[in-house]
């Protein structure tokens, strides 16, 4: 079979863009043997064509003029690896409307403008693929959209930010939050300004994308409740260890009847659960559904070469299905309500500091009982006239747990605001 020459273009030529070009150049023979297509990067949009880059592009490839890409009828697919929402979003819309398939690694763009982008892809009769926008080398989007297309997925659990997972893993080994963050920055896992990662905002954008694909209903970034790991201290890590658990920043997307809940936050993960074994700058996603029960995929979730591998895989997939209409349609096919936050059932781990005197524990237990929250486990540690209570509840609606904690916080015996983390367990706690 004769090889088909396939000119492709890149929007952006930074770390990921250069890695995409490198993989295409070095893997051209393998791609050709597998698909019959020989990819060539012929254009790459940059702000400064004279800037020195790690993997140099061929002469004439770099351009500062977007029109050279959109007007070139020979370009078969474009990979967007420049990041940002504007002007990136307008570029992608114009390409789709012009009938050019687009592959994107841009989580913020997909989380904020997916409706417009998929409308343009459908109108242009082309595909929009975005595997690299969530977990880089882990093909979770492909599995959800293709392998599990008829599976009734009802929950996703994801460690989808490698920076925070590295920090929490180092804290388990004895580092403070500040020490672990500094190490992550030194190793290149965290940016100089790590806010988007450590606040949970990065993970929230990724969970919005995953929930949209899994449940077939639009979930935007504003629909995701999130908190980060800035408040995690060594005593939380020690408390988790006593429960035979670890702390992870986990995104959870839950389908409950005709409503959906998506949230990101630090949780206690039971060591028997697959996510507890995910350490360092790795990612993992657990998918639960009627036909599959539970599957977990794990691997490197960040890095230039890892992200680039997902981008190239999406480009090859586009070429293999061009003209079929496959995946040019939006994943969204229904509208689901948002589950009221207080209705989501979960088990909780709670830390409470009380005065070491008779009746303090009984008063705490009464407040839980008043809200019909049952206690599954309780341990007590005495220190200098106070007692630290570690409480694990049975599953209860979040609103009841929050009401109980508010009442406990008003007790005279309680010395500081109670702190609660959700629990993910394989043992039915």
Protein backbone atom coordinates (compact mmCIF):
# COMPACT_ATOMS: atom_id res chain seq x y z
CA UNK A 1 0.00 0.00 0.00
CA UNK A 2 1.38 3.38 -0.99
CA UNK A 3 2.15 5.81 1.80
CA UNK A 4 -0.02 8.91 2.13
CA UNK A 5 1.85 12.15 2.81
CA UNK A 6 0.07 14.04 5.61
CA UNK A 7 1.05 17.67 6.30
CA UNK A 8 0.10 18.76 9.84
CA UNK A 9 0.40 22.00 11.79
CA UNK A 10 0.91 23.07 15.38
CA UNK A 11 -0.48 26.02 17.29
CA UNK A 12 2.42 26.64 19.66
CA UNK A 13 5.97 25.36 19.73
CA UNK A 14 6.96 25.36 23.38
CA UNK A 15 7.85 22.30 25.45
CA UNK A 16 4.88 20.24 24.25
CA UNK A 17 4.91 21.49 20.67
CA UNK A 18 8.59 20.70 20.25
CA UNK A 19 8.00 17.25 21.78
CA UNK A 20 5.15 16.62 19.32
CA UNK A 21 7.40 17.51 16.39
CA UNK A 22 10.14 15.29 17.78
CA UNK A 23 7.83 12.29 18.20
CA UNK A 24 6.43 12.73 14.70
CA UNK A 25 9.91 13.00 13.20
CA UNK A 26 11.40 10.10 15.14
CA UNK A 27 8.31 7.91 14.93
CA UNK A 28 7.42 8.57 11.28
CA UNK A 29 8.33 5.05 10.16
CA UNK A 30 6.30 3.39 12.93
CA UNK A 31 3.27 5.60 12.23
CA UNK A 32 3.52 4.84 8.52
CA UNK A 33 3.76 1.08 9.08
CA UNK A 34 0.73 1.13 11.36
CA UNK A 35 -1.50 3.53 9.41
CA UNK A 36 -0.15 4.06 5.92
CA UNK A 37 0.18 7.78 6.70
CA UNK A 38 3.44 9.69 6.97
CA UNK A 39 3.02 12.78 9.11
CA UNK A 40 5.09 15.93 8.56
CA UNK A 41 4.93 19.14 10.59
CA UNK A 42 4.84 21.88 7.94
CA UNK A 43 3.73 24.87 10.05
CA UNK A 44 3.97 25.85 13.72
CA UNK A 45 2.53 29.11 15.04
CA UNK A 46 4.83 30.98 17.45
CA UNK A 47 5.19 34.49 18.84
CA UNK A 48 8.95 34.64 18.20
CA UNK A 49 10.33 32.64 15.29
CA UNK A 50 13.93 33.45 16.28
CA UNK A 51 13.75 32.01 19.78
CA UNK A 52 16.06 29.04 20.43
CA UNK A 53 14.18 25.78 21.04
CA UNK A 54 15.07 22.35 22.38
CA UNK A 55 14.09 20.46 19.21
CA UNK A 56 14.62 22.71 16.23
CA UNK A 57 11.94 22.82 13.56
CA UNK A 58 12.85 22.51 9.89
CA UNK A 59 13.42 25.70 7.96
CA UNK A 60 10.23 27.53 7.04
CA UNK A 61 8.07 25.67 9.60
CA UNK A 62 7.85 28.38 12.26
CA UNK A 63 5.47 31.23 11.52
CA UNK A 64 3.98 34.16 13.40
CA UNK A 65 1.01 34.37 11.00
CA UNK A 66 -2.02 32.24 11.86
CA UNK A 67 -3.43 32.85 8.36
CA UNK A 68 -0.67 30.68 6.89
CA UNK A 69 -2.15 27.71 8.73
CA UNK A 70 -5.87 28.26 8.25
CA UNK A 71 -5.44 29.08 4.54
CA UNK A 72 -3.22 26.09 3.72
CA UNK A 73 -5.59 23.52 2.21
CA UNK A 74 -2.96 20.79 2.35
CA UNK A 75 -2.85 20.72 6.18
CA UNK A 76 -4.84 17.67 7.29
CA UNK A 77 -4.94 18.17 11.07
CA UNK A 78 -3.85 20.84 13.56
CA UNK A 79 -2.60 20.24 17.10
CA UNK A 80 -3.31 23.07 19.56
CA UNK A 81 -0.54 23.09 22.17
CA UNK A 82 -0.23 26.80 22.88
CA UNK A 83 -2.47 26.93 25.97
CA UNK A 84 -4.66 29.75 27.24
CA UNK A 85 -8.25 30.51 26.39
CA UNK A 86 -7.76 33.59 24.22
CA UNK A 87 -6.78 33.98 21.44
CA UNK A 88 -6.48 30.19 21.34
CA UNK A 89 -10.22 29.59 21.41
CA UNK A 90 -10.85 31.85 18.43
CA UNK A 91 -8.06 30.15 16.48
CA UNK A 92 -9.51 26.70 17.13
CA UNK A 93 -13.04 27.82 16.23
CA UNK A 94 -11.84 29.24 12.92
CA UNK A 95 -9.93 26.07 12.08
CA UNK A 96 -12.93 23.86 12.81
CA UNK A 97 -15.25 26.07 10.79
CA UNK A 98 -12.77 25.91 7.93
CA UNK A 99 -13.01 22.11 7.96
CA UNK A 100 -9.72 21.31 9.68
CA UNK A 101 -9.73 18.68 12.45
CA UNK A 102 -8.14 19.85 15.69
CA UNK A 103 -6.40 18.00 18.51
CA UNK A 104 -6.08 19.96 21.76
CA UNK A 105 -4.13 19.56 25.00
CA UNK A 106 -5.86 22.58 26.55
CA UNK A 107 -7.92 21.69 29.64
CA UNK A 108 -9.02 25.26 30.41
CA UNK A 109 -10.24 25.81 26.85
CA UNK A 110 -12.23 22.55 26.83
CA UNK A 111 -13.63 23.14 30.32
CA UNK A 112 -14.83 26.65 29.42
CA UNK A 113 -15.77 26.59 25.73
CA UNK A 114 -16.56 23.00 24.76
CA UNK A 115 -20.12 23.80 23.61
CA UNK A 116 -18.93 26.35 21.05
CA UNK A 117 -16.04 24.19 19.94
CA UNK A 118 -18.13 21.07 19.33
CA UNK A 119 -20.82 23.07 17.54
CA UNK A 120 -18.13 24.33 15.18
CA UNK A 121 -16.68 20.82 14.72
CA UNK A 122 -20.09 19.42 13.89
CA UNK A 123 -20.86 22.25 11.47
CA UNK A 124 -17.47 21.82 9.81
CA UNK A 125 -17.84 18.05 9.61
CA UNK A 126 -14.53 17.45 11.40
CA UNK A 127 -13.26 15.97 14.62
CA UNK A 128 -12.15 17.65 17.84
CA UNK A 129 -10.06 15.36 20.03
CA UNK A 130 -8.66 16.27 23.43
CA UNK A 131 -7.09 13.26 25.13
CA UNK A 132 -4.03 15.21 26.28
CA UNK A 133 -6.16 17.79 28.09
CA UNK A 134 -6.81 15.55 31.10
CA UNK A 135 -4.24 12.89 32.01
CA UNK A 136 -1.60 13.17 29.27
CA UNK A 137 -0.46 9.63 28.44
CA UNK A 138 -3.41 7.90 30.16
CA UNK A 139 -6.08 7.33 27.44
CA UNK A 140 -9.10 7.91 29.69
CA UNK A 141 -11.05 10.07 27.19
CA UNK A 142 -10.63 7.44 24.49
CA UNK A 143 -11.81 4.71 26.84
CA UNK A 144 -14.88 6.72 27.91
CA UNK A 145 -15.88 7.85 24.41
CA UNK A 146 -15.08 4.67 22.53
CA UNK A 147 -14.54 1.54 24.62
CA UNK A 148 -17.29 2.37 27.16
CA UNK A 149 -19.72 4.10 24.82
CA UNK A 150 -22.65 1.86 25.90
CA UNK A 151 -21.61 1.50 29.54
CA UNK A 152 -23.68 3.27 32.17
CA UNK A 153 -20.85 5.04 33.99
CA UNK A 154 -22.07 6.39 37.33
CA UNK A 155 -18.88 7.50 39.10
CA UNK A 156 -15.38 8.70 38.31
CA UNK A 157 -12.61 9.11 40.86
CA UNK A 158 -9.44 10.77 39.68
CA UNK A 159 -6.01 11.79 40.86
CA UNK A 160 -5.55 14.15 37.94
CA UNK A 161 -2.86 16.55 39.15
CA UNK A 162 0.68 15.22 39.44
CA UNK A 163 2.03 18.24 41.33
CA UNK A 164 -0.27 17.83 44.31
CA UNK A 165 0.14 14.07 44.32
CA UNK A 166 3.92 14.50 44.51
CA UNK A 167 3.59 16.97 47.39
CA UNK A 168 1.26 14.72 49.38
CA UNK A 169 3.49 11.70 48.78
CA UNK A 170 6.50 13.60 50.10
CA UNK A 171 4.50 14.68 53.16
CA UNK A 172 3.82 11.02 53.89
CA UNK A 173 7.58 10.56 54.01
CA UNK A 174 7.91 13.29 56.65
CA UNK A 175 8.28 16.54 54.69
CA UNK A 176 6.24 19.61 55.59
CA UNK A 177 3.94 21.15 52.98
CA UNK A 178 6.45 23.95 52.33
CA UNK A 179 9.37 21.55 51.98
CA UNK A 180 7.45 19.27 49.62
CA UNK A 181 6.32 22.20 47.47
CA UNK A 182 9.87 23.56 47.22
CA UNK A 183 11.12 20.13 46.15
CA UNK A 184 8.36 19.89 43.51
CA UNK A 185 9.40 23.27 42.13
CA UNK A 186 13.07 22.29 42.12
CA UNK A 187 12.29 19.10 40.15
CA UNK A 188 10.06 20.91 37.67
CA UNK A 189 6.79 19.34 38.85
CA UNK A 190 5.45 22.67 40.10
CA UNK A 191 5.50 26.12 38.55
CA UNK A 192 7.07 29.14 40.23
CA UNK A 193 3.46 30.15 40.94
CA UNK A 194 1.82 26.82 41.85
CA UNK A 195 -1.60 28.29 42.66
CA UNK A 196 -3.56 26.60 39.89
CA UNK A 197 -2.28 23.20 40.97
CA UNK A 198 -2.32 23.41 44.77
CA UNK A 199 -5.70 25.21 44.90
CA UNK A 200 -7.42 22.39 43.01
CA UNK A 201 -8.32 24.61 40.03
CA UNK A 202 -6.32 22.52 37.54
CA UNK A 203 -7.96 19.31 38.73
CA UNK A 204 -11.40 20.96 38.64
CA UNK A 205 -11.05 21.82 34.94
CA UNK A 206 -10.03 18.24 34.16
CA UNK A 207 -12.92 16.78 36.15
CA UNK A 208 -15.37 19.03 34.30
CA UNK A 209 -14.14 17.51 31.03
CA UNK A 210 -14.27 13.93 32.35
CA UNK A 211 -17.76 14.35 33.81
CA UNK A 212 -19.07 15.84 30.56
CA UNK A 213 -17.80 12.89 28.55
CA UNK A 214 -18.78 10.22 31.09
CA UNK A 215 -22.33 11.42 31.74
CA UNK A 216 -23.21 13.00 28.39
CA UNK A 217 -24.21 16.25 30.08
CA UNK A 218 -22.38 19.57 29.97
CA UNK A 219 -20.37 20.22 33.13
CA UNK A 220 -18.55 23.52 33.10
CA UNK A 221 -15.74 24.67 35.33
CA UNK A 222 -18.13 26.79 37.40
CA UNK A 223 -20.15 23.66 38.23
CA UNK A 224 -17.21 22.04 40.03
CA UNK A 225 -16.75 22.60 43.75
CA UNK A 226 -13.06 22.47 44.62
CA UNK A 227 -10.53 23.05 47.36
CA UNK A 228 -6.81 22.45 47.42
CA UNK A 229 -4.12 21.02 49.65
CA UNK A 230 -2.71 24.23 51.16
CA UNK A 231 -4.27 23.41 54.54
CA UNK A 232 -2.94 19.86 54.83
CA UNK A 233 -0.58 19.54 57.77
CA UNK A 234 1.55 16.71 59.20
CA UNK A 235 -1.14 15.92 61.79
CA UNK A 236 -3.62 15.19 58.99
CA UNK A 237 -1.11 12.83 57.39
CA UNK A 238 -0.53 11.14 60.76
CA UNK A 239 -4.28 10.82 61.34
CA UNK A 240 -4.71 9.19 57.94
CA UNK A 241 -1.91 6.75 58.71
CA UNK A 242 -3.69 5.66 61.89
CA UNK A 243 -6.77 4.91 59.79
CA UNK A 244 -4.62 2.81 57.41
CA UNK A 245 -5.18 5.45 54.76
CA UNK A 246 -3.36 8.14 52.77
CA UNK A 247 -4.35 11.66 51.79
CA UNK A 248 -4.80 12.37 48.08
CA UNK A 249 -6.29 15.26 46.09
CA UNK A 250 -9.16 13.44 44.38
CA UNK A 251 -11.71 14.59 41.87
CA UNK A 252 -15.07 12.83 42.15
CA UNK A 253 -17.85 12.94 39.57
CA UNK A 254 -21.03 11.20 40.69
CA UNK A 255 -24.25 10.50 38.80
CA UNK A 256 -27.16 10.20 41.24
CA UNK A 257 -30.42 9.57 39.42
CA UNK A 258 -30.96 12.56 37.14
CA UNK A 259 -28.44 14.78 38.91
CA UNK A 260 -24.67 15.08 38.88
CA UNK A 261 -22.13 16.22 41.44
CA UNK A 262 -18.52 17.06 40.59
CA UNK A 263 -16.00 18.11 43.22
CA UNK A 264 -12.28 18.15 43.95
CA UNK A 265 -10.63 18.13 47.36
CA UNK A 266 -8.23 16.32 49.69
CA UNK A 267 -9.66 13.00 50.87
CA UNK A 268 -8.63 10.02 52.96
CA UNK A 269 -8.09 7.06 50.64
CA UNK A 270 -8.16 3.64 52.24
CA UNK A 271 -4.93 1.74 51.49
CA UNK A 272 -6.97 -1.10 50.02
CA UNK A 273 -8.29 1.22 47.28
CA UNK A 274 -6.34 1.36 43.96
CA UNK A 275 -5.89 5.14 44.18
CA UNK A 276 -3.91 4.82 47.43
CA UNK A 277 -1.04 3.19 45.54
CA UNK A 278 -0.65 6.15 43.17
CA UNK A 279 2.46 8.00 44.32
CA UNK A 280 4.68 10.82 43.11
CA UNK A 281 3.75 12.83 40.03
CA UNK A 282 1.50 10.09 38.66
CA UNK A 283 -2.19 10.25 37.78
CA UNK A 284 -4.96 7.65 37.93
CA UNK A 285 -8.66 7.46 37.14
CA UNK A 286 -11.12 4.90 38.49
CA UNK A 287 -14.27 4.39 36.43
CA UNK A 288 -17.32 2.71 37.94
CA UNK A 289 -20.23 1.52 35.81
CA UNK A 290 -22.96 -1.08 35.51
CA UNK A 291 -21.26 -3.24 32.86
CA UNK A 292 -17.66 -2.92 34.05
CA UNK A 293 -18.03 -2.64 37.84
CA UNK A 294 -14.68 -0.84 38.31
CA UNK A 295 -11.53 -0.27 36.29
CA UNK A 296 -8.52 1.89 37.14
CA UNK A 297 -6.01 3.38 34.72
CA UNK A 298 -2.76 4.90 35.99
CA UNK A 299 0.36 6.43 34.54
CA UNK A 300 2.31 9.66 34.04
CA UNK A 301 -0.16 12.51 33.88
CA UNK A 302 2.12 15.40 33.02
CA UNK A 303 5.31 16.27 31.18
CA UNK A 304 6.11 17.43 27.69
CA UNK A 305 6.85 14.07 26.12
CA UNK A 306 3.93 12.34 27.87
CA UNK A 307 1.46 15.01 26.75
CA UNK A 308 2.95 14.96 23.27
CA UNK A 309 2.41 11.20 22.99
CA UNK A 310 -1.32 11.69 23.60
CA UNK A 311 -1.44 14.53 21.07
CA UNK A 312 0.22 12.41 18.38
CA UNK A 313 -2.07 9.46 19.17
CA UNK A 314 -5.10 11.71 18.70
CA UNK A 315 -3.72 12.99 15.38
CA UNK A 316 -3.29 9.43 14.15
CA UNK A 317 -6.81 8.57 15.33
CA UNK A 318 -8.24 11.52 13.39
CA UNK A 319 -6.55 10.35 10.21
CA UNK A 320 -7.80 6.80 10.73
CA UNK A 321 -11.43 7.88 11.01
CA UNK A 322 -11.61 10.88 8.66
CA UNK A 323 -14.81 11.01 6.66
CA UNK A 324 -16.80 8.77 8.99
CA UNK A 325 -18.27 11.51 11.18
CA UNK A 326 -16.80 9.66 14.15
CA UNK A 327 -16.33 11.86 17.22
CA UNK A 328 -17.13 15.10 15.43
CA UNK A 329 -20.34 15.21 17.48
CA UNK A 330 -20.45 16.64 20.98
CA UNK A 331 -20.38 14.12 23.83
CA UNK A 332 -23.35 15.97 25.32
CA UNK A 333 -26.78 14.48 24.62
CA UNK A 334 -28.82 15.32 27.72
CA UNK A 335 -29.22 17.90 30.46
CA UNK A 336 -28.74 16.81 34.07
CA UNK A 337 -29.47 18.87 37.16
CA UNK A 338 -26.75 19.63 39.67
CA UNK A 339 -27.12 17.61 42.86
CA UNK A 340 -27.59 19.96 45.85
CA UNK A 341 -24.21 19.87 47.67
CA UNK A 342 -25.74 18.83 50.97
CA UNK A 343 -27.38 15.76 49.42
CA UNK A 344 -24.20 13.96 48.38
CA UNK A 345 -23.70 10.92 50.65
CA UNK A 346 -20.19 10.18 51.84
CA UNK A 347 -18.17 8.89 54.76
CA UNK A 348 -16.04 11.49 56.57
CA UNK A 349 -12.89 11.62 58.66
CA UNK A 350 -13.12 14.38 61.29
CA UNK A 351 -10.44 15.83 63.59
CA UNK A 352 -11.76 17.54 66.75
CA UNK A 353 -9.71 19.05 69.57
CA UNK A 354 -11.58 19.11 72.90
CA UNK A 355 -10.77 19.80 76.53
CA UNK A 356 -9.72 16.75 78.50
CA UNK A 357 -12.59 16.67 80.96
CA UNK A 358 -15.63 14.46 81.65
CA UNK A 359 -18.52 14.76 79.22
CA UNK A 360 -16.59 16.32 76.31
CA UNK A 361 -16.71 13.19 74.20
CA UNK A 362 -20.37 12.58 75.03
CA UNK A 363 -21.30 16.08 73.90
CA UNK A 364 -19.57 15.55 70.56
CA UNK A 365 -21.33 12.21 70.05
CA UNK A 366 -24.68 13.82 70.85
CA UNK A 367 -24.27 16.43 68.14
CA UNK A 368 -23.57 13.74 65.55
CA UNK A 369 -26.59 11.79 66.78
CA UNK A 370 -28.80 14.89 66.56
CA UNK A 371 -28.08 15.01 62.81
CA UNK A 372 -28.48 11.23 62.40
CA UNK A 373 -24.80 10.79 61.57
CA UNK A 374 -23.52 7.42 62.79
CA UNK A 375 -19.92 7.03 64.02
CA UNK A 376 -18.00 4.09 62.52
CA UNK A 377 -14.65 4.57 64.30
CA UNK A 378 -13.32 6.82 67.05
CA UNK A 379 -9.89 7.18 68.60
CA UNK A 380 -8.60 9.64 71.21
CA UNK A 381 -5.14 11.10 71.92
CA UNK A 382 -4.39 13.04 75.11
CA UNK A 383 -1.94 15.95 74.96
CA UNK A 384 -1.37 18.67 77.58
CA UNK A 385 -4.87 19.01 78.93
CA UNK A 386 -6.68 18.47 75.64
CA UNK A 387 -7.82 15.48 73.65
CA UNK A 388 -7.65 15.05 69.88
CA UNK A 389 -10.54 13.01 68.57
CA UNK A 390 -10.25 11.18 65.24
CA UNK A 391 -13.74 10.27 64.07
CA UNK A 392 -14.78 8.32 60.97
CA UNK A 393 -18.48 8.45 60.17
CA UNK A 394 -20.64 6.00 58.32
CA UNK A 395 -21.99 7.27 55.00
CA UNK A 396 -24.29 10.24 55.50
CA UNK A 397 -25.52 13.22 53.45
CA UNK A 398 -22.91 15.99 53.43
CA UNK A 399 -25.43 18.52 54.74
CA UNK A 400 -26.04 16.52 57.91
CA UNK A 401 -22.33 16.13 58.57
CA UNK A 402 -21.76 19.85 58.04
CA UNK A 403 -24.62 20.69 60.42
CA UNK A 404 -23.19 18.36 63.06
CA UNK A 405 -19.74 19.94 62.72
CA UNK A 406 -21.18 23.43 63.02
CA UNK A 407 -22.95 22.42 66.25
CA UNK A 408 -19.80 20.73 67.57
CA UNK A 409 -17.78 23.85 66.82
CA UNK A 410 -20.05 25.85 69.16
CA UNK A 411 -19.46 23.57 72.16
CA UNK A 412 -17.52 25.10 75.05
CA UNK A 413 -15.30 22.03 75.22
CA UNK A 414 -14.16 22.32 71.60
CA UNK A 415 -10.90 24.27 71.25
CA UNK A 416 -10.74 24.77 67.46
CA UNK A 417 -12.91 24.41 64.39
CA UNK A 418 -13.48 20.73 63.52
CA UNK A 419 -11.81 19.64 60.28
CA UNK A 420 -13.35 17.09 57.94
CA UNK A 421 -12.11 15.15 54.92
CA UNK A 422 -14.15 12.80 52.76
CA UNK A 423 -13.22 9.10 52.86
CA UNK A 424 -12.84 6.73 49.91
CA UNK A 425 -12.78 3.12 51.08
CA UNK A 426 -13.00 -0.38 49.67
CA UNK A 427 -14.12 -1.77 53.03
CA UNK A 428 -17.53 -0.20 53.32
CA UNK A 429 -16.65 2.32 56.02
